[in-house]
Amino acid sequence: MTINIEYESEKKLDIPYEDIITAVIEESMDYEGCPYEAEVNVLITDNEDIRQINQEFRNIDNPTDVLSFPMVDYDFPSDFDRLEDMANDYFNPETGELLLGDIVISIDKVIEQAEKYGHSETREMAFLVAHSMLHLFGYDHMEEEERQIMEQKQEEILSRRGYVR
């Protein structure tokens, strides 16, 4: 498993963010039954930079807490059955790892939302990573039923690693 973490903010978190990110990514992989080693890129930035990325890729001129850029096109969430048939599209030719995608997290939002929701920055960071990992596995929350499925999965992933409210 390759997890590339870049921290591009002058604001610093006083939590072991690398450990949190790694633990939640690993738990998400196990929870969804991903049969491959995988590569995930995580960028931690600030509100201004995530606002620019949000504008560029989603035409939304506001900062957001997390952005997910999945590399795999699933027929349905976590459908790993046909991926080997398209190895050139989805696997790193040097490592053989499944290229799941990229996660961008606003450090400003981690701090703001932890305070807003009355839990720790550790819990908020873990939540955003779990949420984003589910997007990388093809889940979405545009419909009420999809939202409920994602919320249940997020809570189960987090509780399995002890990131509870």
C-alpha atoms as a PDB file:
ATOM      1  CA  MET A   1       0.000   0.000   0.000  1.00  0.00           C
ATOM      2  CA  THR A   2       1.273   3.423  -0.933  1.00  0.00           C
ATOM      3  CA  ILE A   3      -0.159   6.470   0.796  1.00  0.00           C
ATOM      4  CA  ASN A   4       1.375   9.746  -0.339  1.00  0.00           C
ATOM      5  CA  ILE A   5       0.620  12.611   2.049  1.00  0.00           C
ATOM      6  CA  GLU A   6       1.488  16.209   1.225  1.00  0.00           C
ATOM      7  CA  TYR A   7       0.959  18.976   3.787  1.00  0.00           C
ATOM      8  CA  GLU A   8       0.706  22.341   2.063  1.00  0.00           C
ATOM      9  CA  SER A   9      -0.560  24.701   4.727  1.00  0.00           C
ATOM     10  CA  GLU A  10       1.188  27.048   7.101  1.00  0.00           C
ATOM     11  CA  LYS A  11      -1.425  26.221   9.741  1.00  0.00           C
ATOM     12  CA  LYS A  12      -0.348  23.195  11.745  1.00  0.00           C
ATOM     13  CA  LEU A  13      -2.437  20.499  13.366  1.00  0.00           C
ATOM     14  CA  ASP A  14      -1.431  19.183  16.755  1.00  0.00           C
ATOM     15  CA  ILE A  15      -2.604  15.650  15.959  1.00  0.00           C
ATOM     16  CA  PRO A  16      -0.827  12.664  14.375  1.00  0.00           C
ATOM     17  CA  TYR A  17      -2.535  13.280  11.026  1.00  0.00           C
ATOM     18  CA  GLU A  18      -0.322  10.854   9.076  1.00  0.00           C
ATOM     19  CA  ASP A  19      -1.207   8.011  11.463  1.00  0.00           C
ATOM     20  CA  ILE A  20      -4.910   8.904  11.310  1.00  0.00           C
ATOM     21  CA  ILE A  21      -4.952   9.049   7.515  1.00  0.00           C
ATOM     22  CA  THR A  22      -3.074   5.764   7.183  1.00  0.00           C
ATOM     23  CA  ALA A  23      -5.287   3.959   9.713  1.00  0.00           C
ATOM     24  CA  VAL A  24      -8.537   5.112   8.093  1.00  0.00           C
ATOM     25  CA  ILE A  25      -7.370   4.309   4.567  1.00  0.00           C
ATOM     26  CA  GLU A  26      -6.273   0.833   5.649  1.00  0.00           C
ATOM     27  CA  GLU A  27      -9.547   0.248   7.506  1.00  0.00           C
ATOM     28  CA  SER A  28     -11.577   1.473   4.522  1.00  0.00           C
ATOM     29  CA  MET A  29      -9.711  -0.927   2.247  1.00  0.00           C
ATOM     30  CA  ASP A  30     -10.385  -3.840   4.610  1.00  0.00           C
ATOM     31  CA  TYR A  31     -14.001  -2.834   5.200  1.00  0.00           C
ATOM     32  CA  GLU A  32     -14.781  -2.665   1.487  1.00  0.00           C
ATOM     33  CA  GLY A  33     -12.881  -5.889   0.806  1.00  0.00           C
ATOM     34  CA  CYS A  34     -10.461  -4.411  -1.713  1.00  0.00           C
ATOM     35  CA  PRO A  35      -8.430  -7.404  -2.923  1.00  0.00           C
ATOM     36  CA  TYR A  36      -5.498  -5.281  -4.140  1.00  0.00           C
ATOM     37  CA  GLU A  37      -2.714  -3.240  -2.717  1.00  0.00           C
ATOM     38  CA  ALA A  38      -3.571   0.350  -3.563  1.00  0.00           C
ATOM     39  CA  GLU A  39      -2.159   3.826  -3.977  1.00  0.00           C
ATOM     40  CA  VAL A  40      -3.899   6.878  -2.508  1.00  0.00           C
ATOM     41  CA  ASN A  41      -2.682  10.476  -2.625  1.00  0.00           C
ATOM     42  CA  VAL A  42      -3.715  12.892   0.127  1.00  0.00           C
ATOM     43  CA  LEU A  43      -3.200  16.650   0.009  1.00  0.00           C
ATOM     44  CA  ILE A  44      -3.770  18.682   3.149  1.00  0.00           C
ATOM     45  CA  THR A  45      -4.222  22.335   2.314  1.00  0.00           C
ATOM     46  CA  ASP A  46      -6.089  25.442   3.441  1.00  0.00           C
ATOM     47  CA  ASN A  47      -9.451  26.987   2.580  1.00  0.00           C
ATOM     48  CA  GLU A  48      -8.058  29.229  -0.135  1.00  0.00           C
ATOM     49  CA  ASP A  49      -6.335  26.430  -2.042  1.00  0.00           C
ATOM     50  CA  ILE A  50      -9.258  24.015  -1.734  1.00  0.00           C
ATOM     51  CA  ARG A  51     -11.567  26.810  -2.898  1.00  0.00           C
ATOM     52  CA  GLN A  52      -9.455  27.177  -6.036  1.00  0.00           C
ATOM     53  CA  ILE A  53      -9.491  23.419  -6.654  1.00  0.00           C
ATOM     54  CA  ASN A  54     -13.255  23.332  -6.049  1.00  0.00           C
ATOM     55  CA  GLN A  55     -13.713  26.164  -8.553  1.00  0.00           C
ATOM     56  CA  GLU A  56     -11.512  24.502 -11.162  1.00  0.00           C
ATOM     57  CA  PHE A  57     -13.026  21.024 -10.964  1.00  0.00           C
ATOM     58  CA  ARG A  58     -16.598  21.598  -9.772  1.00  0.00           C
ATOM     59  CA  ASN A  59     -17.335  25.217 -10.746  1.00  0.00           C
ATOM     60  CA  ILE A  60     -18.088  25.978  -7.088  1.00  0.00           C
ATOM     61  CA  ASP A  61     -16.348  29.103  -5.826  1.00  0.00           C
ATOM     62  CA  ASN A  62     -16.333  28.166  -2.135  1.00  0.00           C
ATOM     63  CA  PRO A  63     -14.016  26.254   0.143  1.00  0.00           C
ATOM     64  CA  THR A  64     -15.166  22.765   1.076  1.00  0.00           C
ATOM     65  CA  ASP A  65     -13.956  20.305   3.678  1.00  0.00           C
ATOM     66  CA  VAL A  66     -12.836  17.483   1.398  1.00  0.00           C
ATOM     67  CA  LEU A  67     -12.620  16.716  -2.300  1.00  0.00           C
ATOM     68  CA  SER A  68     -12.332  13.245  -3.779  1.00  0.00           C
ATOM     69  CA  PHE A  69     -10.930  12.410  -7.192  1.00  0.00           C
ATOM     70  CA  PRO A  70     -11.554   8.707  -7.890  1.00  0.00           C
ATOM     71  CA  MET A  71      -9.421   7.054 -10.559  1.00  0.00           C
ATOM     72  CA  VAL A  72     -11.639   3.974 -10.973  1.00  0.00           C
ATOM     73  CA  ASP A  73     -14.958   3.851 -12.825  1.00  0.00           C
ATOM     74  CA  TYR A  74     -17.028   1.219 -11.020  1.00  0.00           C
ATOM     75  CA  ASP A  75     -20.196  -0.387 -12.385  1.00  0.00           C
ATOM     76  CA  PHE A  76     -21.395  -0.200  -8.775  1.00  0.00           C
ATOM     77  CA  PRO A  77     -19.530   0.742  -5.584  1.00  0.00           C
ATOM     78  CA  SER A  78     -16.574  -1.454  -4.661  1.00  0.00           C
ATOM     79  CA  ASP A  79     -17.040  -3.687  -7.705  1.00  0.00           C
ATOM     80  CA  PHE A  80     -13.486  -5.005  -8.029  1.00  0.00           C
ATOM     81  CA  ASP A  81     -14.359  -7.978 -10.261  1.00  0.00           C
ATOM     82  CA  ARG A  82     -13.545  -6.477 -13.649  1.00  0.00           C
ATOM     83  CA  LEU A  83     -10.615  -4.234 -12.762  1.00  0.00           C
ATOM     84  CA  GLU A  84      -7.910  -6.693 -13.770  1.00  0.00           C
ATOM     85  CA  ASP A  85      -9.386  -6.723 -17.286  1.00  0.00           C
ATOM     86  CA  MET A  86      -8.449  -3.044 -17.480  1.00  0.00           C
ATOM     87  CA  ALA A  87      -5.114  -3.221 -15.702  1.00  0.00           C
ATOM     88  CA  ASN A  88      -3.561  -0.568 -17.956  1.00  0.00           C
ATOM     89  CA  ASP A  89      -6.236   1.919 -16.854  1.00  0.00           C
ATOM     90  CA  TYR A  90      -6.331   1.283 -13.133  1.00  0.00           C
ATOM     91  CA  PHE A  91      -3.026  -0.129 -11.921  1.00  0.00           C
ATOM     92  CA  ASN A  92       0.373   1.474 -11.479  1.00  0.00           C
ATOM     93  CA  PRO A  93       2.604  -0.393 -13.962  1.00  0.00           C
ATOM     94  CA  GLU A  94       5.655  -0.015 -11.697  1.00  0.00           C
ATOM     95  CA  THR A  95       4.108  -1.211  -8.430  1.00  0.00           C
ATOM     96  CA  GLY A  96       1.057  -3.168  -9.550  1.00  0.00           C
ATOM     97  CA  GLU A  97      -1.051  -1.199  -7.073  1.00  0.00           C
ATOM     98  CA  LEU A  98      -4.616  -0.127  -7.777  1.00  0.00           C
ATOM     99  CA  LEU A  99      -4.687   3.635  -8.341  1.00  0.00           C
ATOM    100  CA  LEU A 100      -7.669   4.569  -6.166  1.00  0.00           C
ATOM    101  CA  GLY A 101      -7.370   8.334  -6.482  1.00  0.00           C
ATOM    102  CA  ASP A 102      -6.728  11.595  -4.689  1.00  0.00           C
ATOM    103  CA  ILE A 103      -8.098  13.174  -1.522  1.00  0.00           C
ATOM    104  CA  VAL A 104      -7.828  16.900  -0.757  1.00  0.00           C
ATOM    105  CA  ILE A 105      -8.580  18.050   2.796  1.00  0.00           C
ATOM    106  CA  SER A 106      -8.878  21.606   4.104  1.00  0.00           C
ATOM    107  CA  ILE A 107      -7.068  21.934   7.416  1.00  0.00           C
ATOM    108  CA  ASP A 108      -9.155  25.031   8.138  1.00  0.00           C
ATOM    109  CA  LYS A 109     -12.336  22.964   7.794  1.00  0.00           C
ATOM    110  CA  VAL A 110     -10.944  20.193  10.017  1.00  0.00           C
ATOM    111  CA  ILE A 111     -10.477  22.757  12.793  1.00  0.00           C
ATOM    112  CA  GLU A 112     -13.786  24.595  12.156  1.00  0.00           C
ATOM    113  CA  GLN A 113     -15.924  21.461  11.899  1.00  0.00           C
ATOM    114  CA  ALA A 114     -14.381  19.763  14.926  1.00  0.00           C
ATOM    115  CA  GLU A 115     -15.439  22.772  16.973  1.00  0.00           C
ATOM    116  CA  LYS A 116     -18.831  23.066  15.250  1.00  0.00           C
ATOM    117  CA  TYR A 117     -19.726  19.391  15.780  1.00  0.00           C
ATOM    118  CA  GLY A 118     -18.225  19.170  19.263  1.00  0.00           C
ATOM    119  CA  HIS A 119     -15.635  16.500  18.649  1.00  0.00           C
ATOM    120  CA  SER A 120     -11.869  16.347  18.281  1.00  0.00           C
ATOM    121  CA  GLU A 121      -9.767  17.330  15.290  1.00  0.00           C
ATOM    122  CA  THR A 122      -8.632  13.703  15.251  1.00  0.00           C
ATOM    123  CA  ARG A 123     -12.239  12.520  14.792  1.00  0.00           C
ATOM    124  CA  GLU A 124     -12.899  15.140  12.106  1.00  0.00           C
ATOM    125  CA  MET A 125      -9.772  14.214  10.132  1.00  0.00           C
ATOM    126  CA  ALA A 126     -10.687  10.522  10.366  1.00  0.00           C
ATOM    127  CA  PHE A 127     -14.257  11.258   9.265  1.00  0.00           C
ATOM    128  CA  LEU A 128     -13.174  13.246   6.195  1.00  0.00           C
ATOM    129  CA  VAL A 129     -10.765  10.508   5.120  1.00  0.00           C
ATOM    130  CA  ALA A 130     -13.409   7.774   5.569  1.00  0.00           C
ATOM    131  CA  HIS A 131     -15.945   9.848   3.631  1.00  0.00           C
ATOM    132  CA  SER A 132     -13.507  10.468   0.818  1.00  0.00           C
ATOM    133  CA  MET A 133     -12.373   6.831   0.662  1.00  0.00           C
ATOM    134  CA  LEU A 134     -15.975   5.771   0.102  1.00  0.00           C
ATOM    135  CA  HIS A 135     -16.112   8.188  -2.824  1.00  0.00           C
ATOM    136  CA  LEU A 136     -12.908   6.599  -4.165  1.00  0.00           C
ATOM    137  CA  PHE A 137     -14.743   3.253  -3.993  1.00  0.00           C
ATOM    138  CA  GLY A 138     -17.613   4.657  -6.067  1.00  0.00           C
ATOM    139  CA  TYR A 139     -20.139   5.620  -3.400  1.00  0.00           C
ATOM    140  CA  ASP A 140     -22.067   8.876  -3.567  1.00  0.00           C
ATOM    141  CA  HIS A 141     -24.706  10.706  -1.551  1.00  0.00           C
ATOM    142  CA  MET A 142     -26.820  12.468  -4.153  1.00  0.00           C
ATOM    143  CA  GLU A 143     -29.932  10.443  -3.240  1.00  0.00           C
ATOM    144  CA  GLU A 144     -31.244   9.902   0.296  1.00  0.00           C
ATOM    145  CA  GLU A 145     -30.686   6.123   0.156  1.00  0.00           C
ATOM    146  CA  GLU A 146     -27.083   6.635  -1.009  1.00  0.00           C
ATOM    147  CA  ARG A 147     -26.496   9.160   1.789  1.00  0.00           C
ATOM    148  CA  GLN A 148     -27.760   6.707   4.401  1.00  0.00           C
ATOM    149  CA  ILE A 149     -25.532   3.918   3.067  1.00  0.00           C
ATOM    150  CA  MET A 150     -22.471   6.187   3.120  1.00  0.00           C
ATOM    151  CA  GLU A 151     -23.216   7.438   6.638  1.00  0.00           C
ATOM    152  CA  GLN A 152     -23.571   3.901   7.960  1.00  0.00           C
ATOM    153  CA  LYS A 153     -20.349   2.762   6.301  1.00  0.00           C
ATOM    154  CA  GLN A 154     -18.438   5.838   7.521  1.00  0.00           C
ATOM    155  CA  GLU A 155     -19.515   5.247  11.119  1.00  0.00           C
ATOM    156  CA  GLU A 156     -18.632   1.547  10.952  1.00  0.00           C
ATOM    157  CA  ILE A 157     -15.182   2.265   9.504  1.00  0.00           C
ATOM    158  CA  LEU A 158     -14.498   4.907  12.140  1.00  0.00           C
ATOM    159  CA  SER A 159     -15.773   2.833  15.049  1.00  0.00           C
ATOM    160  CA  ARG A 160     -13.649  -0.145  13.976  1.00  0.00           C
ATOM    161  CA  ARG A 161     -10.584   2.063  14.522  1.00  0.00           C
ATOM    162  CA  GLY A 162     -11.910   3.781  17.646  1.00  0.00           C
ATOM    163  CA  TYR A 163     -12.661   7.181  16.105  1.00  0.00           C
ATOM    164  CA  VAL A 164     -15.962   7.741  17.870  1.00  0.00           C
ATOM    165  CA  ARG A 165     -17.667  10.926  18.976  1.00  0.00           C
END
